[in-house]
N, C-alpha and C. Protein backbone atom coordinates (compact mmCIF):
# COMPACT_ATOMS: atom_id res chain seq x y z
N MET A 1 -43.00 17.01 -22.50
CA MET A 1 -41.58 16.82 -22.63
C MET A 1 -40.82 17.91 -21.77
N LEU A 2 -41.34 19.00 -21.42
CA LEU A 2 -40.68 19.88 -20.60
C LEU A 2 -40.32 19.44 -19.28
N ILE A 3 -41.55 18.66 -18.76
CA ILE A 3 -41.39 18.18 -17.45
C ILE A 3 -40.37 17.01 -17.37
N ARG A 4 -40.11 16.25 -18.51
CA ARG A 4 -39.16 15.19 -18.36
C ARG A 4 -37.85 15.85 -18.42
N ILE A 5 -37.59 16.80 -19.15
CA ILE A 5 -36.34 17.55 -19.27
C ILE A 5 -35.85 18.18 -17.81
N PHE A 6 -36.99 18.71 -17.24
CA PHE A 6 -36.85 19.39 -15.85
C PHE A 6 -36.31 18.29 -14.79
N VAL A 7 -37.15 17.21 -14.80
CA VAL A 7 -36.93 16.09 -13.93
C VAL A 7 -35.44 15.54 -14.14
N SER A 8 -35.12 15.32 -15.41
CA SER A 8 -33.77 14.90 -15.76
C SER A 8 -32.65 15.75 -15.23
N SER A 9 -32.88 16.95 -15.38
CA SER A 9 -31.97 17.94 -15.01
C SER A 9 -31.80 18.00 -13.51
N ALA A 10 -32.91 17.84 -12.95
CA ALA A 10 -32.89 17.95 -11.36
C ALA A 10 -32.28 16.80 -10.85
N LEU A 11 -32.41 15.58 -11.42
CA LEU A 11 -31.75 14.42 -10.95
C LEU A 11 -30.21 14.53 -11.20
N LEU A 12 -29.75 14.96 -12.21
CA LEU A 12 -28.41 15.23 -12.53
C LEU A 12 -27.73 16.34 -11.53
N LEU A 13 -28.45 17.30 -11.23
CA LEU A 13 -28.01 18.35 -10.29
C LEU A 13 -27.96 17.65 -8.87
N ILE A 14 -28.87 16.93 -8.38
CA ILE A 14 -28.72 16.32 -7.16
C ILE A 14 -27.64 15.31 -7.23
N SER A 15 -27.37 14.56 -8.16
CA SER A 15 -26.27 13.60 -8.26
C SER A 15 -25.00 14.34 -8.03
N PHE A 16 -24.79 15.37 -8.85
CA PHE A 16 -23.57 16.29 -8.80
C PHE A 16 -23.33 16.71 -7.44
N SER A 17 -24.41 17.29 -6.85
CA SER A 17 -24.29 17.81 -5.39
C SER A 17 -23.85 16.70 -4.38
N ILE A 18 -24.33 15.52 -4.54
CA ILE A 18 -23.97 14.48 -3.62
C ILE A 18 -22.45 14.09 -4.02
N SER A 19 -22.08 13.78 -5.32
CA SER A 19 -20.77 13.35 -5.58
C SER A 19 -19.71 14.38 -5.30
N THR A 20 -20.07 15.67 -5.35
CA THR A 20 -19.05 16.75 -5.11
C THR A 20 -18.59 16.74 -3.58
N SER A 21 -19.59 16.26 -2.73
CA SER A 21 -19.44 16.25 -1.37
C SER A 21 -18.69 15.21 -0.73
N ILE A 22 -18.45 14.18 -1.61
CA ILE A 22 -17.65 12.96 -1.14
C ILE A 22 -16.06 13.40 -1.21
N ALA A 23 -15.48 13.22 -0.05
CA ALA A 23 -13.96 13.61 -0.09
C ALA A 23 -13.22 12.50 -0.69
N ALA A 24 -11.93 12.86 -1.31
CA ALA A 24 -11.05 11.93 -1.96
C ALA A 24 -9.95 11.84 -0.85
N PRO A 25 -9.30 10.55 -0.73
CA PRO A 25 -8.24 10.27 0.17
C PRO A 25 -7.09 11.03 -0.12
N ILE A 26 -6.38 11.60 0.96
CA ILE A 26 -5.25 12.55 0.85
C ILE A 26 -4.27 12.00 1.59
N TYR A 27 -2.88 12.36 1.45
CA TYR A 27 -1.79 11.93 2.22
C TYR A 27 -1.52 12.91 3.22
N LEU A 28 -1.42 12.70 4.58
CA LEU A 28 -1.08 13.58 5.53
C LEU A 28 0.26 13.57 5.99
N ASN A 29 0.92 14.69 5.71
CA ASN A 29 2.46 14.86 6.20
C ASN A 29 2.64 16.43 6.58
N ASN A 30 3.80 16.75 6.59
CA ASN A 30 4.14 18.18 7.06
C ASN A 30 3.56 19.32 6.35
N THR A 31 3.01 19.02 5.32
CA THR A 31 2.45 20.07 4.54
C THR A 31 0.98 20.32 5.04
N ASN A 32 0.30 19.47 5.74
CA ASN A 32 -0.90 19.69 6.24
C ASN A 32 -1.32 19.30 7.67
N ILE A 33 -0.36 18.59 8.23
CA ILE A 33 -0.48 18.35 9.73
C ILE A 33 0.74 18.85 10.50
N SER A 34 0.67 18.84 11.78
CA SER A 34 1.72 19.13 12.63
C SER A 34 2.03 17.88 13.66
N VAL A 35 3.23 17.97 14.17
CA VAL A 35 3.63 16.90 15.23
C VAL A 35 4.51 17.58 16.21
N SER A 36 4.49 17.13 17.51
CA SER A 36 5.40 17.61 18.47
C SER A 36 5.72 16.40 19.43
N VAL A 37 6.82 16.49 20.30
CA VAL A 37 7.14 15.46 21.32
C VAL A 37 6.15 15.77 22.46
N GLY A 38 5.50 14.70 23.05
CA GLY A 38 4.52 14.79 23.87
C GLY A 38 5.18 14.78 25.36
N ALA A 39 4.49 15.27 26.34
CA ALA A 39 5.06 15.33 27.74
C ALA A 39 5.09 13.82 28.22
N GLY A 40 4.34 12.91 27.63
CA GLY A 40 4.33 11.51 28.20
C GLY A 40 5.59 10.85 27.67
N THR A 41 6.66 11.52 26.98
CA THR A 41 7.81 10.76 26.72
C THR A 41 8.69 10.60 28.06
N SER A 42 9.14 9.35 28.15
CA SER A 42 9.99 8.90 29.13
C SER A 42 11.36 9.70 29.22
N PRO A 43 11.83 9.64 30.43
CA PRO A 43 13.23 10.03 30.51
C PRO A 43 14.18 9.25 29.62
N GLY A 44 15.05 9.91 28.92
CA GLY A 44 15.85 9.29 27.94
C GLY A 44 16.74 10.35 27.11
N SER A 45 17.31 9.91 26.06
CA SER A 45 18.21 10.72 25.24
C SER A 45 17.72 10.69 23.78
N PHE A 46 17.81 11.87 23.18
CA PHE A 46 17.45 11.96 21.75
C PHE A 46 18.69 11.77 20.68
N ASN A 47 19.62 11.44 21.44
CA ASN A 47 21.12 11.16 20.64
C ASN A 47 21.34 12.30 19.65
N ASN A 48 21.37 11.95 18.40
CA ASN A 48 21.67 12.98 17.31
C ASN A 48 20.42 13.34 16.55
N THR A 49 19.28 13.10 17.14
CA THR A 49 18.04 13.36 16.44
C THR A 49 17.96 14.89 15.89
N PHE A 50 18.30 15.69 16.81
CA PHE A 50 18.15 17.26 16.60
C PHE A 50 19.45 17.98 16.28
N ASN A 51 20.57 17.18 15.87
CA ASN A 51 21.83 17.85 15.48
C ASN A 51 21.59 18.62 14.10
N GLY A 52 22.28 19.71 14.02
CA GLY A 52 22.33 20.43 12.81
C GLY A 52 20.93 21.18 12.59
N GLY A 53 20.32 21.49 13.66
CA GLY A 53 19.03 22.22 13.50
C GLY A 53 17.85 21.56 13.09
N ASN A 54 17.94 20.11 13.05
CA ASN A 54 16.93 19.23 12.71
C ASN A 54 15.73 19.31 13.71
N THR A 55 14.51 19.26 13.47
CA THR A 55 13.40 19.33 14.36
C THR A 55 12.58 18.02 14.20
N ILE A 56 11.73 17.98 15.07
CA ILE A 56 10.87 16.69 15.15
C ILE A 56 9.87 16.60 13.97
N ASP A 57 9.76 17.69 13.20
CA ASP A 57 9.07 17.59 11.81
C ASP A 57 9.51 16.73 10.86
N LYS A 58 10.65 16.09 11.01
CA LYS A 58 11.32 15.09 10.08
C LYS A 58 10.48 13.79 10.25
N VAL A 59 9.70 13.84 11.17
CA VAL A 59 8.93 12.67 11.64
C VAL A 59 7.80 12.49 10.39
N ILE A 60 7.40 13.60 9.82
CA ILE A 60 6.29 13.67 8.96
C ILE A 60 6.64 14.18 7.55
N ASP A 61 7.93 14.11 7.14
CA ASP A 61 8.25 14.84 5.87
C ASP A 61 8.32 14.06 4.70
N ALA A 62 7.96 12.74 4.76
CA ALA A 62 7.91 11.96 3.63
C ALA A 62 6.87 12.47 2.63
N PRO A 63 7.37 12.86 1.36
CA PRO A 63 6.50 13.49 0.41
C PRO A 63 5.21 12.81 -0.05
N SER A 64 5.30 11.36 0.14
CA SER A 64 4.11 10.65 -0.29
C SER A 64 4.27 9.14 0.48
N ALA A 65 3.24 8.36 0.36
CA ALA A 65 3.13 7.09 1.04
C ALA A 65 4.07 6.14 0.33
N THR A 66 4.53 6.40 -0.90
CA THR A 66 5.42 5.51 -1.66
C THR A 66 6.88 5.93 -1.72
N ALA A 67 7.08 7.07 -0.92
CA ALA A 67 8.51 7.67 -1.00
C ALA A 67 9.59 6.68 -0.32
N THR A 68 10.70 6.69 -0.88
CA THR A 68 11.92 5.99 -0.22
C THR A 68 12.63 6.78 0.70
N GLU A 69 12.90 6.32 1.82
CA GLU A 69 13.68 7.00 2.82
C GLU A 69 15.07 6.32 2.92
N PHE A 70 16.02 7.14 3.15
CA PHE A 70 17.41 6.65 3.37
C PHE A 70 17.93 7.15 4.70
N HIS A 71 18.28 6.08 5.40
CA HIS A 71 18.76 6.35 6.95
C HIS A 71 20.06 7.11 6.95
N ASN A 72 19.89 8.36 7.50
CA ASN A 72 21.06 9.14 7.80
C ASN A 72 20.88 10.11 9.01
N GLN A 73 21.88 10.92 9.34
CA GLN A 73 21.55 11.73 10.47
C GLN A 73 20.53 12.81 10.36
N ASN A 74 20.20 13.24 9.12
CA ASN A 74 19.24 14.24 8.90
C ASN A 74 17.84 13.71 8.60
N THR A 75 17.73 12.48 8.44
CA THR A 75 16.37 11.87 8.23
C THR A 75 15.71 11.09 9.40
N HIS A 76 16.54 10.49 10.11
CA HIS A 76 16.07 9.44 11.13
C HIS A 76 15.64 10.09 12.49
N ILE A 77 14.82 9.52 13.23
CA ILE A 77 14.62 9.75 14.66
C ILE A 77 15.30 8.68 15.48
N TRP A 78 16.05 9.04 16.57
CA TRP A 78 16.67 8.05 17.39
C TRP A 78 16.58 8.60 18.68
N TYR A 79 15.68 7.86 19.51
CA TYR A 79 15.59 8.16 20.96
C TYR A 79 15.86 6.79 21.74
N THR A 80 16.47 6.88 22.82
CA THR A 80 16.85 5.93 23.77
C THR A 80 16.22 6.13 25.07
N ALA A 81 15.36 5.23 25.54
CA ALA A 81 14.74 5.37 26.96
C ALA A 81 15.90 4.98 27.99
N ASN A 82 15.69 5.70 29.11
CA ASN A 82 16.68 5.20 30.23
C ASN A 82 16.36 3.81 30.80
N ASN A 83 15.08 3.43 30.74
CA ASN A 83 14.59 2.17 31.32
C ASN A 83 13.66 1.43 30.26
N VAL A 84 13.77 -0.04 30.40
CA VAL A 84 12.97 -0.76 29.52
C VAL A 84 11.55 -0.54 29.87
N GLY A 85 10.78 -0.23 28.73
CA GLY A 85 9.41 0.07 28.84
C GLY A 85 9.02 1.54 28.62
N GLY A 86 10.16 2.34 28.70
CA GLY A 86 10.14 3.85 28.44
C GLY A 86 9.94 3.97 26.87
N GLY A 87 9.43 5.00 26.57
CA GLY A 87 9.09 5.37 25.08
C GLY A 87 8.83 6.93 24.84
N LEU A 88 8.84 7.06 23.51
CA LEU A 88 8.70 8.45 22.85
C LEU A 88 7.18 8.58 22.56
N GLU A 89 6.66 9.72 23.12
CA GLU A 89 5.32 10.11 22.86
C GLU A 89 5.37 11.11 21.81
N LEU A 90 4.55 10.92 20.74
CA LEU A 90 4.34 12.02 19.71
C LEU A 90 2.96 12.50 19.69
N LEU A 91 2.66 13.83 19.41
CA LEU A 91 1.25 14.18 19.31
C LEU A 91 1.08 14.93 18.04
N PHE A 92 0.11 14.39 17.23
CA PHE A 92 -0.12 14.78 15.98
C PHE A 92 -1.47 15.67 15.93
N ASP A 93 -1.46 16.78 15.27
CA ASP A 93 -2.71 17.64 15.02
C ASP A 93 -2.88 17.85 13.54
N PHE A 94 -4.18 17.17 13.17
CA PHE A 94 -4.44 17.14 11.73
C PHE A 94 -5.06 18.59 11.41
N GLY A 95 -5.48 19.34 12.32
CA GLY A 95 -6.04 20.77 11.92
C GLY A 95 -7.60 20.68 11.63
N GLN A 96 -8.00 19.49 11.30
CA GLN A 96 -9.54 19.24 11.26
C GLN A 96 -9.73 17.71 11.28
N GLU A 97 -10.99 17.25 11.34
CA GLU A 97 -11.21 15.94 11.42
C GLU A 97 -11.08 15.25 10.18
N TYR A 98 -10.49 13.96 10.31
CA TYR A 98 -10.34 13.10 9.10
C TYR A 98 -10.73 11.65 9.52
N ASP A 99 -11.09 10.91 8.55
CA ASP A 99 -11.34 9.52 8.54
C ASP A 99 -10.27 8.70 8.14
N ILE A 100 -9.37 8.15 8.95
CA ILE A 100 -8.18 7.58 8.65
C ILE A 100 -8.30 6.14 8.12
N SER A 101 -7.70 5.86 6.87
CA SER A 101 -7.86 4.49 6.39
C SER A 101 -6.54 3.69 6.44
N THR A 102 -5.42 4.42 6.45
CA THR A 102 -4.01 3.69 6.41
C THR A 102 -2.97 4.38 6.98
N LEU A 103 -2.24 3.61 7.99
CA LEU A 103 -1.09 4.14 8.56
C LEU A 103 0.15 3.70 7.82
N HIS A 104 1.03 4.59 7.61
CA HIS A 104 2.30 4.36 6.90
C HIS A 104 3.48 4.55 7.85
N PHE A 105 4.33 3.57 8.00
CA PHE A 105 5.43 3.63 8.86
C PHE A 105 6.78 3.14 8.20
N TRP A 106 7.78 4.03 8.22
CA TRP A 106 9.07 3.73 7.77
C TRP A 106 9.89 3.31 9.00
N ASN A 107 10.11 1.98 9.30
CA ASN A 107 10.93 1.64 10.37
C ASN A 107 12.40 1.44 10.09
N TYR A 108 13.21 1.31 11.15
CA TYR A 108 14.61 1.10 11.13
C TYR A 108 14.80 -0.39 10.53
N THR A 109 16.09 -0.53 10.05
CA THR A 109 16.34 -1.90 9.32
C THR A 109 17.09 -2.83 10.09
N SER A 110 17.32 -2.53 11.40
CA SER A 110 18.09 -3.55 12.24
C SER A 110 17.23 -3.73 13.52
N GLU A 111 17.16 -4.95 13.98
CA GLU A 111 16.43 -5.36 15.14
C GLU A 111 17.01 -4.82 16.33
N ASN A 112 18.25 -4.33 16.35
CA ASN A 112 18.86 -3.75 17.51
C ASN A 112 18.28 -2.36 17.98
N TYR A 113 17.66 -1.55 16.90
CA TYR A 113 17.22 -0.20 17.12
C TYR A 113 15.86 0.00 16.70
N ASP A 114 15.24 -0.76 15.98
CA ASP A 114 14.00 -0.51 15.41
C ASP A 114 12.86 -0.21 16.48
N VAL A 115 11.74 0.28 16.11
CA VAL A 115 10.54 0.25 16.81
C VAL A 115 9.77 -0.92 16.90
N ASP A 116 9.55 -1.42 18.08
CA ASP A 116 8.87 -2.72 18.28
C ASP A 116 7.36 -2.69 18.48
N ASN A 117 6.98 -1.45 19.02
CA ASN A 117 5.47 -1.23 19.41
C ASN A 117 5.11 0.04 19.23
N ILE A 118 4.03 0.34 18.69
CA ILE A 118 3.28 1.75 18.76
C ILE A 118 1.86 1.55 19.32
N ASP A 119 1.57 2.29 20.28
CA ASP A 119 0.13 2.38 20.76
C ASP A 119 -0.34 3.72 20.31
N PHE A 120 -1.39 3.79 19.52
CA PHE A 120 -2.13 4.94 19.03
C PHE A 120 -3.35 5.29 19.85
N THR A 121 -3.66 6.42 20.00
CA THR A 121 -5.04 6.82 20.61
C THR A 121 -5.37 8.08 19.79
N PHE A 122 -6.69 7.85 19.46
CA PHE A 122 -7.27 8.71 18.35
C PHE A 122 -8.37 9.72 19.23
N PHE A 123 -8.32 10.98 18.81
CA PHE A 123 -9.21 11.91 19.54
C PHE A 123 -10.01 12.73 18.32
N ASN A 124 -11.23 13.17 18.61
CA ASN A 124 -11.84 14.08 17.72
C ASN A 124 -11.49 15.58 18.07
N SER A 125 -12.18 16.45 17.32
CA SER A 125 -11.78 17.89 17.43
C SER A 125 -12.04 18.46 18.93
N SER A 126 -13.03 17.68 19.67
CA SER A 126 -13.30 17.90 21.02
C SER A 126 -12.31 17.41 22.10
N ASN A 127 -11.37 16.60 21.46
CA ASN A 127 -10.43 15.81 22.35
C ASN A 127 -11.10 14.69 23.14
N VAL A 128 -12.04 14.12 22.63
CA VAL A 128 -12.87 13.05 22.97
C VAL A 128 -12.31 11.79 22.30
N GLN A 129 -11.94 10.79 23.07
CA GLN A 129 -11.30 9.54 22.48
C GLN A 129 -12.16 8.75 21.54
N VAL A 130 -11.89 8.62 20.30
CA VAL A 130 -12.67 7.75 19.26
C VAL A 130 -11.83 6.59 18.88
N GLY A 131 -10.85 6.24 19.51
CA GLY A 131 -10.31 4.84 19.07
C GLY A 131 -8.92 4.65 19.72
N THR A 132 -8.53 3.33 19.66
CA THR A 132 -7.13 3.11 19.98
C THR A 132 -6.60 1.85 19.08
N LEU A 133 -5.27 1.78 19.19
CA LEU A 133 -4.65 0.90 18.15
C LEU A 133 -3.32 0.48 18.54
N GLY A 134 -2.92 -0.72 18.64
CA GLY A 134 -1.62 -1.13 18.87
C GLY A 134 -0.97 -1.87 17.81
N VAL A 135 0.17 -1.61 17.33
CA VAL A 135 0.82 -1.99 16.03
C VAL A 135 2.27 -2.45 16.55
N GLN A 136 2.59 -3.65 15.88
CA GLN A 136 4.01 -4.07 16.04
C GLN A 136 4.59 -4.06 14.67
N PRO A 137 5.23 -2.91 14.25
CA PRO A 137 5.72 -2.62 12.96
C PRO A 137 6.79 -3.68 12.50
N ALA A 138 6.85 -3.93 11.13
CA ALA A 138 7.88 -4.83 10.54
C ALA A 138 9.11 -4.00 10.43
N LEU A 139 10.23 -4.72 10.23
CA LEU A 139 11.65 -4.15 10.03
C LEU A 139 11.40 -3.34 8.80
N GLY A 140 12.31 -2.29 8.55
CA GLY A 140 12.30 -1.58 7.38
C GLY A 140 13.08 -2.31 6.33
N SER A 141 12.91 -1.98 5.12
CA SER A 141 13.64 -2.58 3.96
C SER A 141 14.98 -1.95 3.74
N PHE A 142 15.89 -2.52 3.11
CA PHE A 142 17.19 -2.17 2.83
C PHE A 142 17.75 -2.28 1.50
N PRO A 143 18.53 -1.21 0.83
CA PRO A 143 18.83 -0.05 1.66
C PRO A 143 17.91 1.16 1.66
N GLY A 144 17.15 1.30 0.61
CA GLY A 144 15.92 2.10 0.65
C GLY A 144 14.88 1.71 1.63
N ILE A 145 14.39 2.41 2.47
CA ILE A 145 13.31 2.04 3.51
C ILE A 145 11.90 2.48 2.83
N LEU A 146 11.08 1.59 2.61
CA LEU A 146 9.77 1.81 2.08
C LEU A 146 8.84 1.67 3.21
N ALA A 147 7.77 2.42 3.03
CA ALA A 147 6.64 2.41 4.15
C ALA A 147 6.00 1.00 4.29
N GLN A 148 5.74 0.58 5.55
CA GLN A 148 4.82 -0.52 5.76
C GLN A 148 3.41 0.12 5.76
N ASP A 149 2.51 -0.44 4.93
CA ASP A 149 1.21 0.11 5.00
C ASP A 149 0.21 -0.66 5.81
N ILE A 150 -0.25 -0.23 6.88
CA ILE A 150 -1.19 -0.80 7.79
C ILE A 150 -2.58 -0.29 7.64
N VAL A 151 -3.51 -1.20 7.12
CA VAL A 151 -4.81 -0.76 6.94
C VAL A 151 -5.56 -0.55 8.34
N LEU A 152 -6.16 0.55 8.56
CA LEU A 152 -6.80 0.63 9.97
C LEU A 152 -8.26 0.48 9.84
N PRO A 153 -8.89 0.04 10.98
CA PRO A 153 -10.35 -0.19 11.06
C PRO A 153 -11.08 1.27 10.94
N ALA A 154 -10.50 2.08 10.01
CA ALA A 154 -11.10 3.39 9.76
C ALA A 154 -11.52 4.22 10.99
N PRO A 155 -10.56 4.59 11.90
CA PRO A 155 -11.02 5.62 12.75
C PRO A 155 -11.65 6.81 12.32
N LEU A 156 -12.80 7.20 12.80
CA LEU A 156 -13.63 8.36 12.08
C LEU A 156 -13.34 9.64 12.87
N ASN A 157 -13.52 10.69 12.16
CA ASN A 157 -13.73 12.04 12.99
C ASN A 157 -12.42 12.24 13.83
N VAL A 158 -11.12 12.04 13.36
CA VAL A 158 -10.08 12.04 14.09
C VAL A 158 -9.28 13.54 13.74
N GLN A 159 -9.04 14.30 14.64
CA GLN A 159 -8.25 15.33 14.44
C GLN A 159 -6.81 15.24 15.35
N PHE A 160 -6.90 14.67 16.48
CA PHE A 160 -5.53 14.54 17.23
C PHE A 160 -5.18 13.10 17.45
N VAL A 161 -3.92 12.75 17.29
CA VAL A 161 -3.46 11.43 17.50
C VAL A 161 -2.21 11.40 18.48
N THR A 162 -2.38 10.55 19.46
CA THR A 162 -1.11 10.39 20.31
C THR A 162 -0.46 9.04 19.99
N ALA A 163 0.83 8.91 19.70
CA ALA A 163 1.49 7.64 19.45
C ALA A 163 2.60 7.57 20.55
N PHE A 164 2.64 6.31 21.17
CA PHE A 164 3.68 6.06 22.12
C PHE A 164 4.39 4.91 21.36
N LEU A 165 5.77 5.21 21.10
CA LEU A 165 6.76 4.32 20.43
C LEU A 165 7.63 3.73 21.45
N THR A 166 7.90 2.42 21.38
CA THR A 166 8.82 1.74 22.34
C THR A 166 9.55 0.66 21.54
N GLY A 167 10.68 0.31 22.20
CA GLY A 167 11.59 -0.72 21.77
C GLY A 167 11.95 -1.73 22.97
N THR A 168 12.02 -2.94 22.66
CA THR A 168 12.13 -3.97 23.82
C THR A 168 13.53 -3.65 24.42
N ASN A 169 14.51 -3.17 23.61
CA ASN A 169 15.79 -2.81 24.35
C ASN A 169 16.03 -1.39 24.57
N ARG A 170 14.89 -0.58 24.58
CA ARG A 170 14.96 0.82 24.92
C ARG A 170 15.29 1.71 23.80
N GLN A 171 15.59 1.08 22.63
CA GLN A 171 15.87 1.96 21.37
C GLN A 171 14.64 2.23 20.62
N VAL A 172 14.52 3.40 20.14
CA VAL A 172 13.38 3.68 19.27
C VAL A 172 13.99 4.45 18.04
N ASP A 173 14.20 3.75 16.88
CA ASP A 173 14.80 4.37 15.78
C ASP A 173 13.99 4.17 14.62
N PHE A 174 13.59 5.17 13.86
CA PHE A 174 12.71 5.03 12.82
C PHE A 174 13.00 6.32 11.83
N GLN A 175 12.18 6.30 10.69
CA GLN A 175 12.34 7.32 9.63
C GLN A 175 11.10 8.23 9.59
N ASN A 176 9.95 7.71 9.47
CA ASN A 176 8.71 8.48 9.18
C ASN A 176 7.38 7.95 9.51
N ILE A 177 6.44 8.75 9.80
CA ILE A 177 5.14 8.27 9.96
C ILE A 177 4.17 9.18 9.14
N GLY A 178 3.14 8.47 8.49
CA GLY A 178 2.31 9.23 7.64
C GLY A 178 0.79 8.54 7.74
N PHE A 179 -0.11 9.36 7.23
CA PHE A 179 -1.50 8.75 7.26
C PHE A 179 -2.24 9.06 5.96
N THR A 180 -3.04 8.26 5.38
CA THR A 180 -3.85 8.35 4.41
C THR A 180 -5.29 8.44 4.94
N ALA A 181 -6.04 9.53 4.58
CA ALA A 181 -7.29 9.86 5.18
C ALA A 181 -8.17 10.64 4.22
N GLU A 182 -9.42 10.65 4.53
CA GLU A 182 -10.36 11.54 3.97
C GLU A 182 -11.04 12.60 4.98
N VAL A 183 -11.21 13.80 4.50
CA VAL A 183 -11.88 14.71 5.34
C VAL A 183 -13.18 14.10 5.79
N SER A 184 -13.43 14.18 7.18
CA SER A 184 -14.73 13.66 7.60
C SER A 184 -15.84 14.36 7.19
N ALA A 185 -16.88 13.58 6.79
CA ALA A 185 -18.15 14.20 6.32
C ALA A 185 -19.11 14.17 7.56
N PRO A 186 -20.09 15.00 7.47
CA PRO A 186 -21.13 14.93 8.56
C PRO A 186 -21.73 13.66 8.39
N ARG A 187 -22.16 13.22 9.49
CA ARG A 187 -22.89 11.81 9.74
C ARG A 187 -24.53 12.32 10.10
N PRO A 188 -25.35 11.62 9.35
CA PRO A 188 -25.27 10.60 8.18
C PRO A 188 -24.68 11.33 7.04
N ALA A 189 -24.56 10.50 5.97
CA ALA A 189 -23.92 10.90 4.66
C ALA A 189 -24.57 12.10 4.07
N PRO A 190 -23.96 13.13 3.33
CA PRO A 190 -24.38 14.32 2.96
C PRO A 190 -25.66 14.09 1.91
N VAL A 191 -26.56 15.05 2.05
CA VAL A 191 -27.80 14.89 1.22
C VAL A 191 -27.92 16.32 0.56
N PRO A 192 -28.65 16.48 -0.43
CA PRO A 192 -28.90 17.84 -1.16
C PRO A 192 -29.42 18.78 -0.06
N GLU A 193 -29.04 20.02 -0.19
CA GLU A 193 -29.42 20.94 0.70
C GLU A 193 -30.97 21.22 0.65
N PRO A 194 -31.61 21.40 1.87
CA PRO A 194 -33.13 21.53 1.80
C PRO A 194 -33.60 22.66 0.75
N GLY A 195 -32.76 23.72 0.76
CA GLY A 195 -33.17 24.84 -0.07
C GLY A 195 -33.12 24.50 -1.56
N LEU A 196 -32.26 23.61 -1.94
CA LEU A 196 -32.25 23.06 -3.35
C LEU A 196 -33.45 22.18 -3.54
N ILE A 197 -33.74 21.31 -2.73
CA ILE A 197 -35.05 20.59 -3.03
C ILE A 197 -36.25 21.37 -3.04
N SER A 198 -36.44 22.40 -2.21
CA SER A 198 -37.55 23.23 -2.22
C SER A 198 -37.57 23.97 -3.49
N LEU A 199 -36.38 24.42 -4.09
CA LEU A 199 -36.31 25.25 -5.42
C LEU A 199 -36.79 24.47 -6.50
N LEU A 200 -36.27 23.07 -6.46
CA LEU A 200 -36.62 22.14 -7.54
C LEU A 200 -38.09 21.80 -7.51
N ALA A 201 -38.69 21.63 -6.31
CA ALA A 201 -40.22 21.37 -6.22
C ALA A 201 -41.01 22.52 -6.73
N LEU A 202 -40.66 23.92 -6.38
CA LEU A 202 -41.20 24.97 -7.02
C LEU A 202 -41.21 25.06 -8.43
N GLY A 203 -40.02 24.73 -9.01
CA GLY A 203 -39.77 24.63 -10.47
C GLY A 203 -40.68 23.64 -11.10
N LEU A 204 -40.93 22.40 -10.56
CA LEU A 204 -41.71 21.56 -10.98
C LEU A 204 -43.23 22.01 -10.96
N LEU A 205 -43.68 22.56 -10.03
CA LEU A 205 -45.03 23.07 -9.84
C LEU A 205 -45.25 24.25 -11.00
N GLY A 206 -44.25 25.03 -11.19
CA GLY A 206 -44.34 25.92 -12.14
C GLY A 206 -44.57 25.36 -13.52
N MET A 207 -43.72 24.28 -13.77
CA MET A 207 -43.96 23.64 -14.95
C MET A 207 -45.43 22.98 -15.14
N LEU A 208 -45.90 22.38 -14.24
CA LEU A 208 -47.13 21.75 -14.35
C LEU A 208 -48.23 22.84 -14.53
N ALA A 209 -48.07 24.07 -13.98
CA ALA A 209 -49.08 25.02 -14.06
C ALA A 209 -49.03 25.45 -15.53
N ILE A 210 -47.78 25.83 -16.08
CA ILE A 210 -47.76 26.16 -17.47
C ILE A 210 -48.48 25.11 -18.40
N ARG A 211 -48.16 23.95 -18.21
CA ARG A 211 -48.72 22.84 -18.99
C ARG A 211 -50.18 22.67 -18.91
N SER A 212 -50.76 23.00 -17.59
CA SER A 212 -52.17 23.07 -17.58
C SER A 212 -52.91 24.05 -18.26
N ARG A 213 -52.12 25.33 -18.29
CA ARG A 213 -52.91 26.46 -19.13
C ARG A 213 -52.83 26.23 -20.56
N LEU A 214 -51.70 25.49 -21.09
CA LEU A 214 -51.58 25.36 -22.51
C LEU A 214 -52.51 24.19 -23.01
N SER A 215 -52.95 23.29 -22.04
CA SER A 215 -53.78 22.12 -22.46
C SER A 215 -55.31 22.59 -22.54
């Protein structure tokens, strides 16, 4: 009976150890990641993007993936390239490696100014490229702009993201970018610590020895 109880407890402990190591999806925004304008941004104008002390951080300030954005001078990003084909480069730093599952993009509501294409490049913590993705986002909803949720083929172990945004008429106007992701786990999947397994084995041997003496 003691052995059965011990084995059952050990299995529960192992199960708990594994389950607690599985990360839960989280939304990445200005509370846990950073963004900056990249050197790859083409010559152009940021219009009123930075008026009133605003910074590029408003690219990632949506509080959740379901938040509604309203287009005004304090919330949107408006960049105009000097030449067709030019674009805005944004550099994201997640601070640690994540497995990205969904991209959230709040686009402008008019075809005259919206973002027509985004080229993403994903890098791990060592700045080694781990994936690329091209997206042609839909127009934003009106009057409240909701995110378009784009399921990604799960780029793994991503810490740095480069995004190059372009418009066919040189205009790049949008509200927000966000990501849903899980903290990257070691590959292969986590297993109980070797020390835990050794401890359980010693305990089981102890139980067997006690039973042997009592019989």
